[in-house]
Amino acid sequence: MKINGGVRFCEPGIRASIRAMHLQSSILQITTENVNGFDKVGYQRREPVVSSFTEFLGVHGLSTTIDDQPGRIISSGNPLDIAIANRGYFQIQTPDGVVITRDGRFKYDKDGNLLNLEDNPVLSDSGVPIQLPLVPRSPDEIVVNTRGKISVFNPQTREMEECGVIGVVDSNGMAVIDPDIKQGYNEYSNVSLQNEFLQVKPVVRNFEANRQIFIMQSNNLQSVISKLGSVS
């Protein structure tokens, strides 16, 4: 008795080239999103992660991670622009649930509710919407310290009244003890255009190499089909 066994794998070249070009195109799309987000407040850079066996999995082996390093903090002159100098996120109550963001451009309505630009409530460290005890005559009467504690000037008592602490959490929802809040500042993206352009070059070269291989294989296949047709 003779038993033959083995493992064989034959990967069509054209299919492999198409899969590789699809992968490189997806990586280029991530880089494009980073470049477009360069001047966006609160935008965090996305980093492409290529897993093992991506040459077989193609784009299904590609994932992304978020670079949570603080971005460029620039003065805005608006007392309700709040930036986080350390890692962390503001909590916003939306109709779809609580979301986290680095965008700290806030405002208040006629009832003293602290809102983001989309009119969604900003949550405190206790998880409830923040409401000022009185509506200030000007945003300049609101003071936010480095830990996020909000105080508003009461013209009747001529004193500052505390009205809660802005909740800052990490990506897992755990409270950040020292967020290092900057009042009157906006945090722009942590994207470096120079690094993005440098990292895109090998991706473009890989795409072009696979495109050339695809063209060669396609031409060879057309030549074979043409010859078979002439023989028949």
C-alpha atoms as a PDB file:
ATOM      1  CA  MET A   1       0.000   0.000   0.000  1.00  0.00           C
ATOM      2  CA  LYS A   2       1.300   3.447  -0.924  1.00  0.00           C
ATOM      3  CA  ILE A   3      -0.132   6.659   0.538  1.00  0.00           C
ATOM      4  CA  ASN A   4       0.619   9.934  -1.190  1.00  0.00           C
ATOM      5  CA  GLY A   5       0.050  13.152   0.718  1.00  0.00           C
ATOM      6  CA  GLY A   6       1.011  16.772   0.534  1.00  0.00           C
ATOM      7  CA  VAL A   7      -0.110  20.352   0.606  1.00  0.00           C
ATOM      8  CA  ARG A   8      -0.315  22.310  -2.607  1.00  0.00           C
ATOM      9  CA  PHE A   9      -1.108  25.953  -3.100  1.00  0.00           C
ATOM     10  CA  CYS A  10      -1.227  27.705  -6.453  1.00  0.00           C
ATOM     11  CA  GLU A  11      -2.028  31.402  -6.444  1.00  0.00           C
ATOM     12  CA  PRO A  12      -3.032  32.949  -9.805  1.00  0.00           C
ATOM     13  CA  GLY A  13      -0.700  35.865 -10.461  1.00  0.00           C
ATOM     14  CA  ILE A  14      -3.357  38.253 -11.775  1.00  0.00           C
ATOM     15  CA  ARG A  15      -5.517  37.725  -8.698  1.00  0.00           C
ATOM     16  CA  ALA A  16      -2.548  38.342  -6.384  1.00  0.00           C
ATOM     17  CA  SER A  17      -1.694  41.593  -8.195  1.00  0.00           C
ATOM     18  CA  ILE A  18      -5.263  42.869  -7.996  1.00  0.00           C
ATOM     19  CA  ARG A  19      -5.438  42.026  -4.292  1.00  0.00           C
ATOM     20  CA  ALA A  20      -2.147  43.829  -3.654  1.00  0.00           C
ATOM     21  CA  MET A  21      -3.284  46.937  -5.558  1.00  0.00           C
ATOM     22  CA  HIS A  22      -6.537  46.964  -3.598  1.00  0.00           C
ATOM     23  CA  LEU A  23      -4.554  46.824  -0.357  1.00  0.00           C
ATOM     24  CA  GLN A  24      -2.231  49.661  -1.357  1.00  0.00           C
ATOM     25  CA  SER A  25      -5.218  51.766  -2.470  1.00  0.00           C
ATOM     26  CA  SER A  26      -6.824  51.317   0.962  1.00  0.00           C
ATOM     27  CA  ILE A  27      -3.601  52.408   2.673  1.00  0.00           C
ATOM     28  CA  LEU A  28      -3.449  55.463   0.404  1.00  0.00           C
ATOM     29  CA  GLN A  29      -7.035  56.286   1.372  1.00  0.00           C
ATOM     30  CA  ILE A  30      -6.075  56.304   5.061  1.00  0.00           C
ATOM     31  CA  THR A  31      -3.174  58.658   4.303  1.00  0.00           C
ATOM     32  CA  THR A  32      -5.503  60.917   2.305  1.00  0.00           C
ATOM     33  CA  GLU A  33      -7.889  61.107   5.254  1.00  0.00           C
ATOM     34  CA  ASN A  34      -4.990  62.120   7.507  1.00  0.00           C
ATOM     35  CA  VAL A  35      -3.898  64.858   5.122  1.00  0.00           C
ATOM     36  CA  ASN A  36      -7.475  66.152   4.809  1.00  0.00           C
ATOM     37  CA  GLY A  37      -7.764  66.178   8.609  1.00  0.00           C
ATOM     38  CA  PHE A  38      -4.599  68.230   9.120  1.00  0.00           C
ATOM     39  CA  ASP A  39      -6.472  71.477   9.892  1.00  0.00           C
ATOM     40  CA  LYS A  40      -9.454  69.889  11.648  1.00  0.00           C
ATOM     41  CA  VAL A  41      -9.975  70.590  15.348  1.00  0.00           C
ATOM     42  CA  GLY A  42      -9.768  67.394  17.389  1.00  0.00           C
ATOM     43  CA  TYR A  43      -8.788  65.116  14.497  1.00  0.00           C
ATOM     44  CA  GLN A  44      -6.513  62.222  15.441  1.00  0.00           C
ATOM     45  CA  ARG A  45      -4.234  60.533  12.966  1.00  0.00           C
ATOM     46  CA  ARG A  46      -5.116  57.027  11.776  1.00  0.00           C
ATOM     47  CA  GLU A  47      -2.276  54.544  11.440  1.00  0.00           C
ATOM     48  CA  PRO A  48      -2.623  51.614   8.977  1.00  0.00           C
ATOM     49  CA  VAL A  49      -1.745  48.211  10.446  1.00  0.00           C
ATOM     50  CA  VAL A  50      -0.917  45.381   8.046  1.00  0.00           C
ATOM     51  CA  SER A  51      -1.347  41.970   9.664  1.00  0.00           C
ATOM     52  CA  SER A  52       0.384  38.695   8.875  1.00  0.00           C
ATOM     53  CA  PHE A  53      -0.597  36.823   5.693  1.00  0.00           C
ATOM     54  CA  THR A  54      -1.891  40.032   4.129  1.00  0.00           C
ATOM     55  CA  GLU A  55      -0.472  38.809   0.807  1.00  0.00           C
ATOM     56  CA  PHE A  56      -3.226  36.171   0.932  1.00  0.00           C
ATOM     57  CA  LEU A  57      -5.921  38.106   2.831  1.00  0.00           C
ATOM     58  CA  GLY A  58      -5.570  41.328   0.856  1.00  0.00           C
ATOM     59  CA  VAL A  59      -7.498  44.286   2.231  1.00  0.00           C
ATOM     60  CA  HIS A  60      -9.094  42.020   4.867  1.00  0.00           C
ATOM     61  CA  GLY A  61      -5.713  41.921   6.602  1.00  0.00           C
ATOM     62  CA  LEU A  62      -5.643  45.712   6.958  1.00  0.00           C
ATOM     63  CA  SER A  63      -6.793  47.508  10.103  1.00  0.00           C
ATOM     64  CA  THR A  64      -6.204  50.908  11.677  1.00  0.00           C
ATOM     65  CA  THR A  65      -5.212  52.300  15.042  1.00  0.00           C
ATOM     66  CA  ILE A  66      -5.686  55.814  16.397  1.00  0.00           C
ATOM     67  CA  ASP A  67      -2.668  57.920  17.339  1.00  0.00           C
ATOM     68  CA  ASP A  68      -3.813  59.463  20.642  1.00  0.00           C
ATOM     69  CA  GLN A  69      -0.897  61.863  21.013  1.00  0.00           C
ATOM     70  CA  PRO A  70      -2.071  65.466  21.609  1.00  0.00           C
ATOM     71  CA  GLY A  71      -2.102  67.668  18.537  1.00  0.00           C
ATOM     72  CA  ARG A  72      -1.191  71.300  17.928  1.00  0.00           C
ATOM     73  CA  ILE A  73      -2.723  73.581  20.572  1.00  0.00           C
ATOM     74  CA  ILE A  74      -3.368  77.098  19.275  1.00  0.00           C
ATOM     75  CA  SER A  75      -4.925  80.081  21.045  1.00  0.00           C
ATOM     76  CA  SER A  76      -8.383  81.048  19.760  1.00  0.00           C
ATOM     77  CA  GLY A  77      -9.326  83.886  22.133  1.00  0.00           C
ATOM     78  CA  ASN A  78     -12.721  82.266  22.772  1.00  0.00           C
ATOM     79  CA  PRO A  79     -13.228  81.367  26.468  1.00  0.00           C
ATOM     80  CA  LEU A  80     -15.487  78.460  25.470  1.00  0.00           C
ATOM     81  CA  ASP A  81     -12.826  76.819  23.316  1.00  0.00           C
ATOM     82  CA  ILE A  82     -11.340  74.098  25.502  1.00  0.00           C
ATOM     83  CA  ALA A  83      -8.309  71.956  24.632  1.00  0.00           C
ATOM     84  CA  ILE A  84      -6.904  68.881  26.371  1.00  0.00           C
ATOM     85  CA  ALA A  85      -3.112  69.032  26.577  1.00  0.00           C
ATOM     86  CA  ASN A  86      -2.837  65.380  27.701  1.00  0.00           C
ATOM     87  CA  ARG A  87      -4.404  62.206  26.364  1.00  0.00           C
ATOM     88  CA  GLY A  88      -8.143  62.035  26.861  1.00  0.00           C
ATOM     89  CA  TYR A  89     -11.552  62.839  25.424  1.00  0.00           C
ATOM     90  CA  PHE A  90     -14.589  64.963  26.189  1.00  0.00           C
ATOM     91  CA  GLN A  91     -17.893  63.146  26.625  1.00  0.00           C
ATOM     92  CA  ILE A  92     -20.842  64.303  24.528  1.00  0.00           C
ATOM     93  CA  GLN A  93     -24.429  63.093  24.889  1.00  0.00           C
ATOM     94  CA  THR A  94     -25.924  62.477  21.433  1.00  0.00           C
ATOM     95  CA  PRO A  95     -29.230  60.922  20.329  1.00  0.00           C
ATOM     96  CA  ASP A  96     -27.255  57.760  19.514  1.00  0.00           C
ATOM     97  CA  GLY A  97     -25.544  57.616  22.919  1.00  0.00           C
ATOM     98  CA  VAL A  98     -22.404  58.996  24.504  1.00  0.00           C
ATOM     99  CA  VAL A  99     -19.525  59.735  22.138  1.00  0.00           C
ATOM    100  CA  ILE A 100     -15.985  60.874  22.914  1.00  0.00           C
ATOM    101  CA  THR A 101     -14.143  63.632  21.074  1.00  0.00           C
ATOM    102  CA  ARG A 102     -11.122  65.911  21.271  1.00  0.00           C
ATOM    103  CA  ASP A 103     -13.084  68.793  19.754  1.00  0.00           C
ATOM    104  CA  GLY A 104     -13.654  71.217  22.639  1.00  0.00           C
ATOM    105  CA  ARG A 105     -15.458  74.041  20.841  1.00  0.00           C
ATOM    106  CA  PHE A 106     -18.366  74.654  23.192  1.00  0.00           C
ATOM    107  CA  LYS A 107     -21.204  77.142  23.670  1.00  0.00           C
ATOM    108  CA  TYR A 108     -24.181  77.628  25.985  1.00  0.00           C
ATOM    109  CA  ASP A 109     -27.856  78.132  25.241  1.00  0.00           C
ATOM    110  CA  LYS A 110     -30.432  80.466  26.807  1.00  0.00           C
ATOM    111  CA  ASP A 111     -30.919  78.007  29.698  1.00  0.00           C
ATOM    112  CA  GLY A 112     -27.205  77.789  30.486  1.00  0.00           C
ATOM    113  CA  ASN A 113     -26.710  74.274  29.067  1.00  0.00           C
ATOM    114  CA  LEU A 114     -23.150  73.660  27.910  1.00  0.00           C
ATOM    115  CA  LEU A 115     -23.278  72.314  24.335  1.00  0.00           C
ATOM    116  CA  ASN A 116     -20.946  71.383  21.508  1.00  0.00           C
ATOM    117  CA  LEU A 117     -21.255  72.862  18.017  1.00  0.00           C
ATOM    118  CA  GLU A 118     -23.940  70.294  17.105  1.00  0.00           C
ATOM    119  CA  ASP A 119     -26.085  71.375  20.100  1.00  0.00           C
ATOM    120  CA  ASN A 120     -25.388  68.162  22.023  1.00  0.00           C
ATOM    121  CA  PRO A 121     -24.888  68.380  25.818  1.00  0.00           C
ATOM    122  CA  VAL A 122     -21.391  68.212  27.270  1.00  0.00           C
ATOM    123  CA  LEU A 123     -21.164  65.737  30.163  1.00  0.00           C
ATOM    124  CA  SER A 124     -19.566  66.323  33.538  1.00  0.00           C
ATOM    125  CA  ASP A 125     -17.231  63.966  35.377  1.00  0.00           C
ATOM    126  CA  SER A 126     -20.326  62.415  36.964  1.00  0.00           C
ATOM    127  CA  GLY A 127     -21.836  61.651  33.562  1.00  0.00           C
ATOM    128  CA  VAL A 128     -24.648  64.217  33.586  1.00  0.00           C
ATOM    129  CA  PRO A 129     -25.119  67.222  31.268  1.00  0.00           C
ATOM    130  CA  ILE A 130     -23.491  70.416  32.502  1.00  0.00           C
ATOM    131  CA  GLN A 131     -25.799  73.359  33.173  1.00  0.00           C
ATOM    132  CA  LEU A 132     -24.548  76.719  34.381  1.00  0.00           C
ATOM    133  CA  PRO A 133     -26.334  77.996  37.526  1.00  0.00           C
ATOM    134  CA  LEU A 134     -26.887  81.308  35.741  1.00  0.00           C
ATOM    135  CA  VAL A 135     -26.552  82.504  32.164  1.00  0.00           C
ATOM    136  CA  PRO A 136     -23.493  84.771  31.943  1.00  0.00           C
ATOM    137  CA  ARG A 137     -23.694  88.061  30.131  1.00  0.00           C
ATOM    138  CA  SER A 138     -20.524  87.145  28.249  1.00  0.00           C
ATOM    139  CA  PRO A 139     -18.415  83.982  27.784  1.00  0.00           C
ATOM    140  CA  ASP A 140     -15.596  85.945  29.432  1.00  0.00           C
ATOM    141  CA  GLU A 141     -17.392  85.428  32.763  1.00  0.00           C
ATOM    142  CA  ILE A 142     -16.742  81.676  32.561  1.00  0.00           C
ATOM    143  CA  VAL A 143     -13.503  80.250  33.935  1.00  0.00           C
ATOM    144  CA  VAL A 144     -12.264  76.684  33.442  1.00  0.00           C
ATOM    145  CA  ASN A 145      -9.218  75.511  35.372  1.00  0.00           C
ATOM    146  CA  THR A 146      -6.672  72.890  34.324  1.00  0.00           C
ATOM    147  CA  ARG A 147      -8.701  70.051  35.853  1.00  0.00           C
ATOM    148  CA  GLY A 148     -11.849  71.100  33.998  1.00  0.00           C
ATOM    149  CA  LYS A 149     -13.689  72.725  36.891  1.00  0.00           C
ATOM    150  CA  ILE A 150     -16.099  75.372  35.593  1.00  0.00           C
ATOM    151  CA  SER A 151     -16.877  78.575  37.471  1.00  0.00           C
ATOM    152  CA  VAL A 152     -19.133  81.423  36.395  1.00  0.00           C
ATOM    153  CA  PHE A 153     -19.234  84.983  37.674  1.00  0.00           C
ATOM    154  CA  ASN A 154     -22.342  85.955  39.643  1.00  0.00           C
ATOM    155  CA  PRO A 155     -22.898  89.715  39.264  1.00  0.00           C
ATOM    156  CA  GLN A 156     -25.188  89.808  42.305  1.00  0.00           C
ATOM    157  CA  THR A 157     -22.726  88.318  44.769  1.00  0.00           C
ATOM    158  CA  ARG A 158     -19.723  89.389  42.681  1.00  0.00           C
ATOM    159  CA  GLU A 159     -18.201  85.957  43.256  1.00  0.00           C
ATOM    160  CA  MET A 160     -17.364  82.962  41.103  1.00  0.00           C
ATOM    161  CA  GLU A 161     -19.825  80.085  41.446  1.00  0.00           C
ATOM    162  CA  GLU A 162     -18.691  76.536  40.710  1.00  0.00           C
ATOM    163  CA  CYS A 163     -20.954  74.605  38.361  1.00  0.00           C
ATOM    164  CA  GLY A 164     -19.350  71.237  37.729  1.00  0.00           C
ATOM    165  CA  VAL A 165     -16.303  69.623  36.180  1.00  0.00           C
ATOM    166  CA  ILE A 166     -15.973  68.745  32.511  1.00  0.00           C
ATOM    167  CA  GLY A 167     -15.654  64.989  32.202  1.00  0.00           C
ATOM    168  CA  VAL A 168     -12.449  63.809  30.501  1.00  0.00           C
ATOM    169  CA  VAL A 169     -11.969  60.072  29.933  1.00  0.00           C
ATOM    170  CA  ASP A 170      -9.574  57.796  28.092  1.00  0.00           C
ATOM    171  CA  SER A 171     -10.547  55.585  25.150  1.00  0.00           C
ATOM    172  CA  ASN A 172     -11.808  52.930  27.601  1.00  0.00           C
ATOM    173  CA  GLY A 173     -14.091  55.373  29.417  1.00  0.00           C
ATOM    174  CA  MET A 174     -11.906  55.678  32.511  1.00  0.00           C
ATOM    175  CA  ALA A 175     -11.568  59.129  34.080  1.00  0.00           C
ATOM    176  CA  VAL A 176      -8.378  61.077  33.349  1.00  0.00           C
ATOM    177  CA  ILE A 177      -7.041  62.495  36.608  1.00  0.00           C
ATOM    178  CA  ASP A 178      -4.906  65.281  35.146  1.00  0.00           C
ATOM    179  CA  PRO A 179      -6.258  66.311  31.719  1.00  0.00           C
ATOM    180  CA  ASP A 180      -4.393  69.666  31.743  1.00  0.00           C
ATOM    181  CA  ILE A 181      -7.259  71.709  30.320  1.00  0.00           C
ATOM    182  CA  LYS A 182      -6.387  74.827  28.326  1.00  0.00           C
ATOM    183  CA  GLN A 183      -9.152  77.448  28.216  1.00  0.00           C
ATOM    184  CA  GLY A 184      -9.275  79.662  25.142  1.00  0.00           C
ATOM    185  CA  TYR A 185      -7.384  77.190  22.943  1.00  0.00           C
ATOM    186  CA  ASN A 186      -8.204  74.796  20.123  1.00  0.00           C
ATOM    187  CA  GLU A 187      -6.388  71.538  19.554  1.00  0.00           C
ATOM    188  CA  TYR A 188      -5.793  70.849  15.889  1.00  0.00           C
ATOM    189  CA  SER A 189      -4.806  67.476  14.470  1.00  0.00           C
ATOM    190  CA  ASN A 190      -1.669  65.570  15.406  1.00  0.00           C
ATOM    191  CA  VAL A 191      -0.947  64.931  11.716  1.00  0.00           C
ATOM    192  CA  SER A 192       2.506  65.780  10.340  1.00  0.00           C
ATOM    193  CA  LEU A 193       2.218  66.451   6.611  1.00  0.00           C
ATOM    194  CA  GLN A 194       5.926  65.764   6.089  1.00  0.00           C
ATOM    195  CA  ASN A 195       5.659  62.313   7.677  1.00  0.00           C
ATOM    196  CA  GLU A 196       2.511  61.493   5.702  1.00  0.00           C
ATOM    197  CA  PHE A 197       4.186  62.351   2.407  1.00  0.00           C
ATOM    198  CA  LEU A 198       7.287  60.312   3.317  1.00  0.00           C
ATOM    199  CA  GLN A 199       5.232  57.277   4.284  1.00  0.00           C
ATOM    200  CA  VAL A 200       3.143  57.377   1.132  1.00  0.00           C
ATOM    201  CA  LYS A 201       6.116  56.978  -1.232  1.00  0.00           C
ATOM    202  CA  PRO A 202       6.761  53.223  -0.657  1.00  0.00           C
ATOM    203  CA  VAL A 203       3.005  52.588  -0.891  1.00  0.00           C
ATOM    204  CA  VAL A 204       2.874  54.264  -4.295  1.00  0.00           C
ATOM    205  CA  ARG A 205       5.931  52.314  -5.452  1.00  0.00           C
ATOM    206  CA  ASN A 206       4.352  49.013  -4.357  1.00  0.00           C
ATOM    207  CA  PHE A 207       1.130  49.880  -6.145  1.00  0.00           C
ATOM    208  CA  GLU A 208       2.982  50.768  -9.338  1.00  0.00           C
ATOM    209  CA  ALA A 209       5.052  47.558  -9.198  1.00  0.00           C
ATOM    210  CA  ASN A 210       1.918  45.411  -8.841  1.00  0.00           C
ATOM    211  CA  ARG A 211       0.230  47.366 -11.632  1.00  0.00           C
ATOM    212  CA  GLN A 212       3.135  46.639 -13.966  1.00  0.00           C
ATOM    213  CA  ILE A 213       3.031  42.935 -13.037  1.00  0.00           C
ATOM    214  CA  PHE A 214      -0.709  42.903 -13.674  1.00  0.00           C
ATOM    215  CA  ILE A 215      -0.211  44.479 -17.128  1.00  0.00           C
ATOM    216  CA  MET A 216       2.484  41.948 -18.038  1.00  0.00           C
ATOM    217  CA  GLN A 217       0.356  39.014 -16.902  1.00  0.00           C
ATOM    218  CA  SER A 218      -2.689  40.373 -18.684  1.00  0.00           C
ATOM    219  CA  ASN A 219      -0.735  40.815 -21.929  1.00  0.00           C
ATOM    220  CA  ASN A 220       0.674  37.294 -21.669  1.00  0.00           C
ATOM    221  CA  LEU A 221      -2.797  35.884 -21.070  1.00  0.00           C
ATOM    222  CA  GLN A 222      -4.196  37.745 -24.073  1.00  0.00           C
ATOM    223  CA  SER A 223      -1.332  36.448 -26.194  1.00  0.00           C
ATOM    224  CA  VAL A 224      -2.006  32.840 -25.121  1.00  0.00           C
ATOM    225  CA  ILE A 225      -5.737  33.178 -25.821  1.00  0.00           C
ATOM    226  CA  SER A 226      -5.002  34.691 -29.226  1.00  0.00           C
ATOM    227  CA  LYS A 227      -2.655  31.826 -30.151  1.00  0.00           C
ATOM    228  CA  LEU A 228      -5.151  29.194 -28.978  1.00  0.00           C
ATOM    229  CA  GLY A 229      -7.800  30.830 -31.105  1.00  0.00           C
ATOM    230  CA  SER A 230      -5.601  30.816 -34.191  1.00  0.00           C
ATOM    231  CA  VAL A 231      -4.731  27.132 -33.713  1.00  0.00           C
ATOM    232  CA  SER A 232      -8.341  26.078 -33.371  1.00  0.00           C
END
